N, C-alpha and C. Protein backbone atom coordinates (compact mmCIF):
# COMPACT_ATOMS: atom_id res chain seq x y z
N MET A 1 62.71 40.24 -51.81
CA MET A 1 62.09 39.60 -50.63
C MET A 1 61.17 41.06 -50.31
N ASN A 2 60.35 40.87 -49.72
CA ASN A 2 59.48 41.94 -49.69
C ASN A 2 59.62 42.40 -47.85
N ASN A 3 58.76 43.10 -47.53
CA ASN A 3 59.00 44.09 -46.12
C ASN A 3 59.02 43.17 -45.35
N SER A 4 57.78 42.15 -45.17
CA SER A 4 57.90 41.27 -44.10
C SER A 4 58.68 40.43 -43.79
N THR A 5 59.53 39.91 -44.95
CA THR A 5 60.38 39.05 -44.88
C THR A 5 61.34 39.60 -44.31
N VAL A 6 61.84 40.65 -44.67
CA VAL A 6 63.21 41.35 -43.95
C VAL A 6 62.60 41.85 -42.66
N THR A 7 61.58 41.93 -42.24
CA THR A 7 61.37 42.38 -41.06
C THR A 7 61.65 41.04 -40.01
N THR A 8 60.65 39.85 -40.33
CA THR A 8 61.22 38.62 -39.68
C THR A 8 62.27 38.21 -39.84
N VAL A 9 63.32 38.25 -40.77
CA VAL A 9 64.64 37.94 -40.72
C VAL A 9 65.27 38.63 -39.48
N LEU A 10 65.31 39.93 -39.71
CA LEU A 10 65.92 41.16 -38.31
C LEU A 10 65.38 40.65 -37.04
N GLN A 11 64.26 40.30 -36.99
CA GLN A 11 63.70 39.81 -35.63
C GLN A 11 64.22 38.84 -35.14
N PHE A 12 64.62 37.68 -35.86
CA PHE A 12 65.04 36.34 -35.72
C PHE A 12 66.69 36.83 -35.25
N VAL A 13 67.13 37.39 -36.18
CA VAL A 13 68.47 37.67 -35.65
C VAL A 13 68.70 38.30 -34.57
N ALA A 14 68.08 39.15 -34.54
CA ALA A 14 68.08 40.42 -33.42
C ALA A 14 68.09 40.00 -32.00
N LEU A 15 66.93 39.00 -31.95
CA LEU A 15 66.36 38.12 -30.77
C LEU A 15 67.47 37.01 -30.43
N ILE A 16 68.11 36.29 -31.61
CA ILE A 16 68.87 35.93 -31.06
C ILE A 16 70.47 36.43 -30.58
N LEU A 17 70.75 37.85 -30.86
CA LEU A 17 71.67 38.28 -30.48
C LEU A 17 71.65 38.66 -29.00
N ILE A 18 70.43 39.66 -29.00
CA ILE A 18 69.92 39.76 -27.88
C ILE A 18 70.13 38.83 -26.45
N GLN A 19 69.36 37.87 -26.82
CA GLN A 19 69.56 36.56 -26.11
C GLN A 19 71.24 36.02 -25.58
N VAL A 20 71.95 36.14 -26.35
CA VAL A 20 73.06 35.25 -26.23
C VAL A 20 74.29 36.25 -25.37
N LEU A 21 74.12 37.64 -26.45
CA LEU A 21 75.02 38.65 -25.62
C LEU A 21 74.64 39.07 -24.70
N VAL A 22 73.09 39.48 -24.11
CA VAL A 22 72.89 40.30 -23.12
C VAL A 22 72.10 39.42 -21.89
N LEU A 23 70.95 38.61 -22.42
CA LEU A 23 70.04 37.94 -21.41
C LEU A 23 70.91 36.74 -20.70
N ASN A 24 71.60 36.25 -21.34
CA ASN A 24 72.24 34.84 -21.03
C ASN A 24 72.97 35.17 -19.54
N HIS A 25 73.75 36.32 -19.86
CA HIS A 25 74.65 36.68 -18.87
C HIS A 25 73.61 37.51 -17.55
N ILE A 26 72.36 37.38 -17.26
CA ILE A 26 71.93 38.02 -16.35
C ILE A 26 71.05 36.56 -15.72
N ASN A 27 71.10 36.69 -14.19
CA ASN A 27 70.85 35.86 -13.56
C ASN A 27 70.58 35.87 -12.39
N PHE A 28 69.43 36.47 -12.25
CA PHE A 28 69.13 36.94 -10.50
C PHE A 28 68.94 35.85 -9.70
N PHE A 29 69.51 35.81 -8.32
CA PHE A 29 69.27 34.93 -7.62
C PHE A 29 69.54 33.10 -7.82
N GLY A 30 70.10 32.89 -9.14
CA GLY A 30 70.56 31.73 -9.54
C GLY A 30 69.19 30.94 -10.11
N ASN A 31 68.30 31.15 -9.86
CA ASN A 31 66.95 30.71 -10.89
C ASN A 31 66.38 31.80 -11.79
N ILE A 32 66.64 32.81 -11.82
CA ILE A 32 65.73 34.06 -12.76
C ILE A 32 66.92 33.94 -13.90
N ASN A 33 66.61 33.49 -15.22
CA ASN A 33 66.78 34.07 -16.30
C ASN A 33 66.21 34.00 -17.23
N PRO A 34 66.12 35.32 -18.18
CA PRO A 34 65.03 35.47 -18.98
C PRO A 34 65.34 34.99 -20.58
N TYR A 35 64.13 34.74 -20.88
CA TYR A 35 64.22 33.75 -22.14
C TYR A 35 63.35 34.64 -23.32
N LEU A 36 63.97 35.45 -23.57
CA LEU A 36 63.25 36.62 -24.21
C LEU A 36 63.00 36.41 -26.18
N TYR A 37 63.92 35.46 -26.37
CA TYR A 37 64.09 34.84 -27.90
C TYR A 37 62.77 33.77 -28.16
N ILE A 38 62.18 33.61 -27.31
CA ILE A 38 60.84 32.88 -27.52
C ILE A 38 59.77 33.58 -27.77
N LEU A 39 59.81 35.14 -28.11
CA LEU A 39 59.08 35.82 -28.48
C LEU A 39 58.67 35.73 -29.91
N PHE A 40 59.62 35.41 -30.62
CA PHE A 40 59.38 35.17 -31.91
C PHE A 40 58.53 34.37 -32.55
N ILE A 41 58.80 33.10 -31.75
CA ILE A 41 57.79 31.93 -32.13
C ILE A 41 56.13 32.47 -31.53
N LEU A 42 56.12 33.52 -30.54
CA LEU A 42 55.01 33.47 -29.75
C LEU A 42 54.20 34.85 -30.81
N VAL A 43 55.18 35.37 -31.49
CA VAL A 43 54.35 36.33 -32.37
C VAL A 43 54.56 36.31 -34.00
N PHE A 44 54.84 35.06 -34.20
CA PHE A 44 55.06 34.82 -35.83
C PHE A 44 53.82 34.95 -35.99
N PRO A 45 53.47 35.41 -37.44
CA PRO A 45 52.43 35.38 -38.00
C PRO A 45 51.56 33.86 -38.40
N ILE A 46 50.51 34.09 -37.94
CA ILE A 46 49.47 32.86 -38.11
C ILE A 46 49.49 31.97 -39.16
N ARG A 47 48.98 32.99 -40.27
CA ARG A 47 49.06 32.45 -41.64
C ARG A 47 49.91 31.50 -41.96
N ASN A 48 51.18 32.06 -42.04
CA ASN A 48 52.34 31.14 -42.47
C ASN A 48 52.13 30.02 -42.15
N ASN A 49 52.86 29.07 -43.24
CA ASN A 49 53.17 27.72 -43.39
C ASN A 49 53.80 27.38 -42.15
N ARG A 50 52.92 25.86 -41.69
CA ARG A 50 53.28 25.44 -40.15
C ARG A 50 54.73 24.91 -40.30
N THR A 51 55.13 24.46 -41.54
CA THR A 51 56.52 24.01 -41.46
C THR A 51 57.74 24.78 -41.39
N LEU A 52 57.39 26.12 -41.50
CA LEU A 52 58.11 27.44 -41.46
C LEU A 52 58.05 27.47 -40.34
N ILE A 53 57.00 27.89 -39.71
CA ILE A 53 57.67 27.86 -37.78
C ILE A 53 58.11 26.84 -37.29
N LEU A 54 57.99 25.55 -37.74
CA LEU A 54 58.84 24.61 -37.02
C LEU A 54 60.71 24.64 -37.35
N LEU A 55 60.62 24.73 -38.86
CA LEU A 55 61.92 25.05 -39.27
C LEU A 55 62.70 26.36 -38.52
N LEU A 56 61.74 27.34 -38.64
CA LEU A 56 62.20 28.60 -37.74
C LEU A 56 62.71 28.50 -36.60
N SER A 57 61.78 27.36 -35.59
CA SER A 57 62.17 27.59 -34.55
C SER A 57 63.03 26.73 -34.31
N PHE A 58 63.30 25.62 -34.76
CA PHE A 58 64.68 25.12 -34.38
C PHE A 58 65.65 25.67 -34.67
N LEU A 59 66.09 26.61 -35.97
CA LEU A 59 67.20 26.94 -36.16
C LEU A 59 67.49 28.14 -35.12
N LEU A 60 66.14 28.96 -34.30
CA LEU A 60 66.10 29.80 -33.60
C LEU A 60 66.79 29.22 -32.09
N GLY A 61 66.12 27.98 -31.65
CA GLY A 61 66.82 27.17 -30.27
C GLY A 61 68.34 26.57 -30.78
N LEU A 62 68.41 26.48 -32.24
CA LEU A 62 69.90 25.79 -32.12
C LEU A 62 70.55 26.95 -32.25
N GLY A 63 70.22 28.20 -32.66
CA GLY A 63 71.34 29.31 -32.86
C GLY A 63 71.67 29.35 -31.21
N VAL A 64 70.58 29.79 -30.40
CA VAL A 64 70.95 30.17 -29.08
C VAL A 64 71.75 28.67 -28.60
N ASP A 65 71.29 27.34 -28.85
CA ASP A 65 72.24 26.48 -28.14
C ASP A 65 74.07 26.55 -28.56
N LEU A 66 73.76 27.14 -29.77
CA LEU A 66 75.37 26.88 -30.28
C LEU A 66 76.06 28.32 -29.63
N PHE A 67 75.68 29.09 -29.02
CA PHE A 67 76.34 30.21 -28.75
C PHE A 67 76.24 30.01 -27.36
N SER A 68 75.58 29.11 -26.57
CA SER A 68 75.44 29.10 -25.23
C SER A 68 76.00 27.98 -24.63
N ASP A 69 76.03 26.99 -25.88
CA ASP A 69 76.70 25.63 -25.34
C ASP A 69 75.87 25.00 -24.69
N SER A 70 74.77 24.72 -25.15
CA SER A 70 73.63 24.17 -24.22
C SER A 70 73.48 22.82 -24.93
N GLY A 71 73.53 21.96 -25.75
CA GLY A 71 73.68 20.95 -26.36
C GLY A 71 72.10 20.78 -27.12
N GLY A 72 71.69 21.43 -27.11
CA GLY A 72 70.14 21.64 -28.14
C GLY A 72 68.83 21.60 -26.91
N VAL A 73 69.03 21.74 -25.92
CA VAL A 73 67.55 22.07 -25.10
C VAL A 73 66.91 23.00 -25.33
N ASN A 74 67.29 23.79 -26.03
CA ASN A 74 66.94 25.20 -26.19
C ASN A 74 66.30 24.90 -27.59
N ALA A 75 66.51 24.26 -28.60
CA ALA A 75 66.31 23.86 -29.97
C ALA A 75 64.95 22.73 -29.72
N ALA A 76 64.72 21.99 -28.75
CA ALA A 76 63.91 20.95 -28.34
C ALA A 76 62.70 21.84 -28.03
N ALA A 77 62.99 22.62 -27.04
CA ALA A 77 61.87 23.63 -26.13
C ALA A 77 61.11 24.59 -27.30
N CYS A 78 62.10 24.75 -28.49
CA CYS A 78 61.29 25.70 -29.30
C CYS A 78 60.60 25.03 -30.29
N VAL A 79 61.07 23.76 -30.26
CA VAL A 79 60.35 22.93 -31.62
C VAL A 79 58.95 22.68 -31.04
N THR A 80 59.25 22.18 -29.61
CA THR A 80 57.94 21.45 -29.25
C THR A 80 56.88 22.89 -28.99
N ILE A 81 57.01 24.17 -28.34
CA ILE A 81 56.16 25.20 -28.43
C ILE A 81 55.60 25.56 -29.74
N ALA A 82 56.27 25.52 -30.86
CA ALA A 82 55.56 26.12 -32.20
C ALA A 82 55.06 24.50 -32.59
N TYR A 83 55.27 23.23 -32.61
CA TYR A 83 54.47 22.33 -32.53
C TYR A 83 52.79 22.42 -31.95
N ILE A 84 52.70 22.63 -30.78
CA ILE A 84 51.33 23.04 -29.94
C ILE A 84 51.15 23.99 -30.28
N ARG A 85 51.88 25.10 -30.76
CA ARG A 85 51.02 26.57 -31.09
C ARG A 85 49.63 26.52 -31.25
N PRO A 86 49.11 25.81 -32.30
CA PRO A 86 47.82 25.84 -32.68
C PRO A 86 47.05 25.60 -31.62
N ILE A 87 47.15 24.94 -30.91
CA ILE A 87 46.68 24.29 -29.81
C ILE A 87 46.22 25.47 -28.88
N ILE A 88 47.27 26.11 -28.71
CA ILE A 88 47.40 26.99 -27.40
C ILE A 88 46.66 28.50 -28.12
N LEU A 89 46.88 28.63 -28.86
CA LEU A 89 46.32 30.04 -29.96
C LEU A 89 45.08 29.75 -29.91
N LYS A 90 44.17 28.59 -30.44
CA LYS A 90 42.66 27.98 -30.12
C LYS A 90 42.08 28.21 -28.95
N PHE A 91 42.85 27.90 -27.83
CA PHE A 91 42.48 27.71 -26.44
C PHE A 91 42.56 29.17 -26.11
N SER A 92 43.55 29.87 -26.18
CA SER A 92 43.38 31.57 -25.74
C SER A 92 43.02 32.26 -26.82
N PHE A 93 42.50 32.67 -27.56
CA PHE A 93 41.82 32.96 -28.67
C PHE A 93 40.77 32.63 -28.93
N GLY A 94 40.42 31.60 -29.00
CA GLY A 94 38.89 31.19 -29.52
C GLY A 94 38.49 31.25 -31.06
N MET A 95 37.64 31.77 -31.11
CA MET A 95 36.98 32.23 -32.76
C MET A 95 37.78 32.60 -33.83
N ILE A 96 38.39 33.78 -32.82
CA ILE A 96 39.62 35.01 -33.53
C ILE A 96 40.44 33.93 -34.23
N TYR A 97 41.17 33.13 -33.47
CA TYR A 97 42.01 31.90 -34.41
C TYR A 97 41.25 31.27 -35.11
N GLU A 98 40.36 30.48 -35.10
CA GLU A 98 39.22 29.88 -35.95
C GLU A 98 39.37 30.15 -37.46
N HIS A 99 38.90 31.64 -37.22
CA HIS A 99 38.81 32.64 -38.68
C HIS A 99 40.37 32.88 -39.15
N GLN A 100 41.37 32.77 -38.40
CA GLN A 100 43.17 33.15 -38.78
C GLN A 100 42.89 34.53 -39.10
N THR A 101 42.43 35.42 -38.27
CA THR A 101 42.49 36.60 -37.89
C THR A 101 42.85 37.51 -37.28
N ILE A 102 43.74 36.77 -36.11
CA ILE A 102 44.63 37.20 -35.26
C ILE A 102 45.69 37.96 -35.46
N LYS A 103 45.62 39.16 -35.13
CA LYS A 103 46.91 40.08 -34.90
C LYS A 103 46.89 40.54 -33.64
N PHE A 104 48.24 40.58 -33.52
CA PHE A 104 48.61 40.37 -31.76
C PHE A 104 48.47 41.70 -31.35
N ASP A 105 48.63 42.85 -32.48
CA ASP A 105 48.84 44.12 -31.90
C ASP A 105 47.26 44.41 -31.62
N ASN A 106 45.76 43.93 -32.10
CA ASN A 106 44.55 44.30 -31.88
C ASN A 106 44.00 43.28 -30.93
N THR A 107 45.00 42.22 -30.17
CA THR A 107 44.15 41.23 -29.32
C THR A 107 44.20 41.97 -27.95
N GLU A 108 43.17 41.22 -27.00
CA GLU A 108 43.14 42.02 -25.54
C GLU A 108 44.29 41.42 -24.80
N LEU A 109 44.55 42.32 -23.93
CA LEU A 109 45.78 41.94 -23.10
C LEU A 109 45.67 40.48 -22.72
N SER A 110 44.41 40.23 -22.03
CA SER A 110 44.25 39.02 -21.19
C SER A 110 44.40 38.04 -21.58
N ASN A 111 43.78 37.76 -23.04
CA ASN A 111 43.84 36.69 -24.14
C ASN A 111 45.73 36.59 -24.49
N ARG A 112 46.16 37.76 -24.64
CA ARG A 112 47.82 37.60 -24.58
C ARG A 112 48.59 37.17 -23.69
N LEU A 113 47.86 37.41 -22.30
CA LEU A 113 48.99 37.22 -21.29
C LEU A 113 48.75 35.55 -21.13
N ILE A 114 47.73 35.16 -21.32
CA ILE A 114 47.17 33.60 -20.85
C ILE A 114 47.94 32.81 -22.12
N TYR A 115 47.84 33.69 -23.42
CA TYR A 115 48.73 32.72 -24.43
C TYR A 115 50.11 33.05 -24.02
N PHE A 116 51.00 33.95 -23.74
CA PHE A 116 52.22 34.03 -23.14
C PHE A 116 52.54 33.11 -22.10
N THR A 117 51.69 33.25 -21.35
CA THR A 117 51.96 32.56 -20.23
C THR A 117 52.01 30.61 -20.51
N ILE A 118 51.17 30.50 -20.87
CA ILE A 118 50.74 28.82 -20.86
C ILE A 118 52.16 28.76 -22.21
N MET A 119 52.55 29.51 -23.23
CA MET A 119 53.81 28.96 -24.03
C MET A 119 54.75 29.06 -23.15
N THR A 120 55.37 29.85 -22.54
CA THR A 120 56.43 30.28 -21.82
C THR A 120 56.82 29.00 -20.61
N PHE A 121 55.82 28.80 -19.90
CA PHE A 121 55.72 27.46 -19.20
C PHE A 121 56.31 26.46 -19.44
N ILE A 122 55.35 25.66 -20.89
CA ILE A 122 55.51 24.68 -21.17
C ILE A 122 57.17 25.10 -21.90
N HIS A 123 57.69 26.17 -22.52
CA HIS A 123 59.16 25.93 -22.74
C HIS A 123 60.23 25.69 -21.53
N HIS A 124 59.73 26.54 -20.79
CA HIS A 124 60.40 26.69 -19.76
C HIS A 124 60.83 25.40 -19.10
N LEU A 125 59.52 24.64 -19.08
CA LEU A 125 59.55 23.00 -18.16
C LEU A 125 60.11 22.45 -18.85
N ILE A 126 60.05 22.30 -20.19
CA ILE A 126 60.89 21.65 -20.86
C ILE A 126 62.13 21.75 -20.95
N LEU A 127 63.00 23.05 -21.03
CA LEU A 127 64.22 23.43 -21.17
C LEU A 127 64.84 23.21 -20.23
N PHE A 128 64.12 23.11 -18.56
CA PHE A 128 65.10 23.23 -17.54
C PHE A 128 64.77 21.44 -17.34
N SER A 129 64.11 20.62 -17.49
CA SER A 129 63.85 19.39 -17.21
C SER A 129 64.91 18.62 -18.16
N LEU A 130 65.27 18.95 -19.57
CA LEU A 130 66.36 18.43 -20.22
C LEU A 130 67.55 18.82 -19.81
N GLU A 131 67.69 20.29 -19.34
CA GLU A 131 69.03 20.94 -18.73
C GLU A 131 69.60 20.24 -17.82
N ILE A 132 68.30 20.00 -16.41
CA ILE A 132 68.83 19.28 -15.48
C ILE A 132 68.83 17.77 -15.68
N PHE A 133 67.99 17.54 -16.30
CA PHE A 133 67.59 15.65 -16.74
C PHE A 133 67.97 14.87 -15.41
N ASN A 134 67.09 15.41 -14.42
CA ASN A 134 67.14 14.68 -13.05
C ASN A 134 66.02 14.40 -12.23
N ILE A 135 65.12 13.71 -11.99
CA ILE A 135 63.88 13.56 -11.34
C ILE A 135 64.01 13.70 -9.79
N SER A 136 65.47 13.30 -9.46
CA SER A 136 65.32 14.02 -7.95
C SER A 136 65.88 15.31 -7.87
N LYS A 137 65.71 16.18 -8.72
CA LYS A 137 65.79 17.57 -9.05
C LYS A 137 64.66 18.16 -9.38
N LEU A 138 63.65 17.56 -9.19
CA LEU A 138 62.21 17.78 -9.41
C LEU A 138 61.77 19.45 -8.88
N ILE A 139 61.82 19.80 -7.70
CA ILE A 139 61.96 21.18 -6.98
C ILE A 139 62.70 22.22 -7.69
N LEU A 140 64.25 21.91 -7.90
CA LEU A 140 64.92 22.60 -9.06
C LEU A 140 63.82 22.86 -10.11
N ILE A 141 63.54 22.46 -10.79
CA ILE A 141 63.37 22.59 -12.12
C ILE A 141 61.84 22.99 -11.92
N LEU A 142 61.40 22.64 -11.17
CA LEU A 142 59.91 23.67 -11.06
C LEU A 142 60.06 24.86 -10.52
N GLN A 143 61.06 25.06 -9.39
CA GLN A 143 61.53 26.56 -9.01
C GLN A 143 62.11 27.16 -10.52
N LYS A 144 62.92 26.74 -10.88
CA LYS A 144 63.87 28.01 -12.05
C LYS A 144 62.51 28.12 -13.29
N THR A 145 61.80 27.00 -13.41
CA THR A 145 60.54 27.07 -14.34
C THR A 145 59.63 28.22 -14.05
N LEU A 146 59.38 28.36 -12.53
CA LEU A 146 58.46 29.49 -12.08
C LEU A 146 58.95 30.70 -12.23
N PHE A 147 60.17 30.87 -11.65
CA PHE A 147 60.39 32.49 -11.68
C PHE A 147 61.15 32.72 -13.00
N SER A 148 61.86 31.91 -13.68
CA SER A 148 62.44 32.45 -15.03
C SER A 148 60.90 32.63 -16.17
N SER A 149 59.93 31.70 -15.75
CA SER A 149 58.90 32.34 -16.75
C SER A 149 57.81 33.61 -15.99
N ILE A 150 57.72 33.76 -15.12
CA ILE A 150 57.14 35.22 -14.57
C ILE A 150 58.20 36.43 -15.10
N PHE A 151 59.46 36.48 -15.08
CA PHE A 151 60.22 37.35 -16.03
C PHE A 151 60.21 37.01 -17.29
N THR A 152 60.31 36.19 -17.70
CA THR A 152 60.07 36.05 -19.53
C THR A 152 58.66 36.85 -19.64
N ILE A 153 57.76 36.16 -18.77
CA ILE A 153 56.48 36.45 -19.38
C ILE A 153 56.45 38.17 -19.16
N LEU A 154 56.72 38.70 -18.53
CA LEU A 154 57.16 40.51 -18.27
C LEU A 154 57.78 40.96 -18.94
N LEU A 155 58.82 40.52 -19.48
CA LEU A 155 59.67 40.90 -20.69
C LEU A 155 58.80 40.97 -21.85
N CYS A 156 58.48 39.69 -22.19
CA CYS A 156 57.83 39.53 -23.40
C CYS A 156 56.19 40.76 -23.64
N LEU A 157 55.62 40.75 -22.73
CA LEU A 157 54.84 41.62 -22.72
C LEU A 157 54.68 42.88 -22.78
N LEU A 158 55.90 43.42 -22.19
CA LEU A 158 56.26 44.51 -22.32
C LEU A 158 57.27 45.06 -23.61
N ILE A 159 57.52 44.13 -24.29
CA ILE A 159 58.41 44.16 -25.64
C ILE A 159 57.04 44.41 -26.65
N SER A 160 56.22 43.38 -26.29
CA SER A 160 54.99 43.44 -27.28
C SER A 160 54.23 44.46 -27.28
N ILE A 161 54.25 45.25 -26.18
CA ILE A 161 53.21 46.47 -25.98
C ILE A 161 53.83 47.49 -26.38
N LEU A 162 55.15 47.93 -25.92
CA LEU A 162 56.08 48.94 -26.71
C LEU A 162 56.24 48.63 -27.91
N PHE A 163 56.06 47.59 -28.76
CA PHE A 163 56.49 47.68 -30.13
C PHE A 163 54.93 47.57 -30.89
N SER A 164 53.89 47.51 -30.27
CA SER A 164 52.65 47.37 -30.96
C SER A 164 52.75 48.42 -32.09
N LYS A 165 52.26 48.06 -32.78
CA LYS A 165 51.60 49.08 -34.39
C LYS A 165 50.29 49.87 -33.87
N LYS A 166 49.39 49.00 -32.70
CA LYS A 166 48.42 49.40 -32.36
C LYS A 166 48.51 50.76 -32.10
N ARG A 167 47.73 52.17 -32.31
CA ARG A 167 47.73 53.49 -31.93
C ARG A 167 46.73 53.88 -30.77
N ARG A 168 46.71 54.20 -29.58
CA ARG A 168 45.45 54.55 -28.86
C ARG A 168 45.48 55.78 -28.86
């Protein structure tokens, strides 16, 4: 196992444990719950196999679902954002993505914010739609999506900046 693989495995396990042991127990105002575990999907290396990211996303969501007893909604949301990830990367980063040279540590904060925002909103909309699964509660779904997304985006940006390898 090379160093990159070990780091990826540690990030995977750490994010699941942080999510299920700490973040799932945070619930501000009944609607705000951070979902930091999606950071794994967001910053997964671009050059890796697409099948691998889909499989790891499923396992990530399934791990959170097993500990949270949430019936597969996290796995569905994770696989969805992993599947549409190339489209959102191309939209957010443009030619950098086309040339497969994205390193999240070296990207502009504005591009990273656009990417994190789109992916997080899609994840949360799917997650809460499947969790609530009632069209008459559309306002609740949108409210939970909006507030949890804002908190998750801020937390993901903070973590990505704090653990960035780029030195200024």
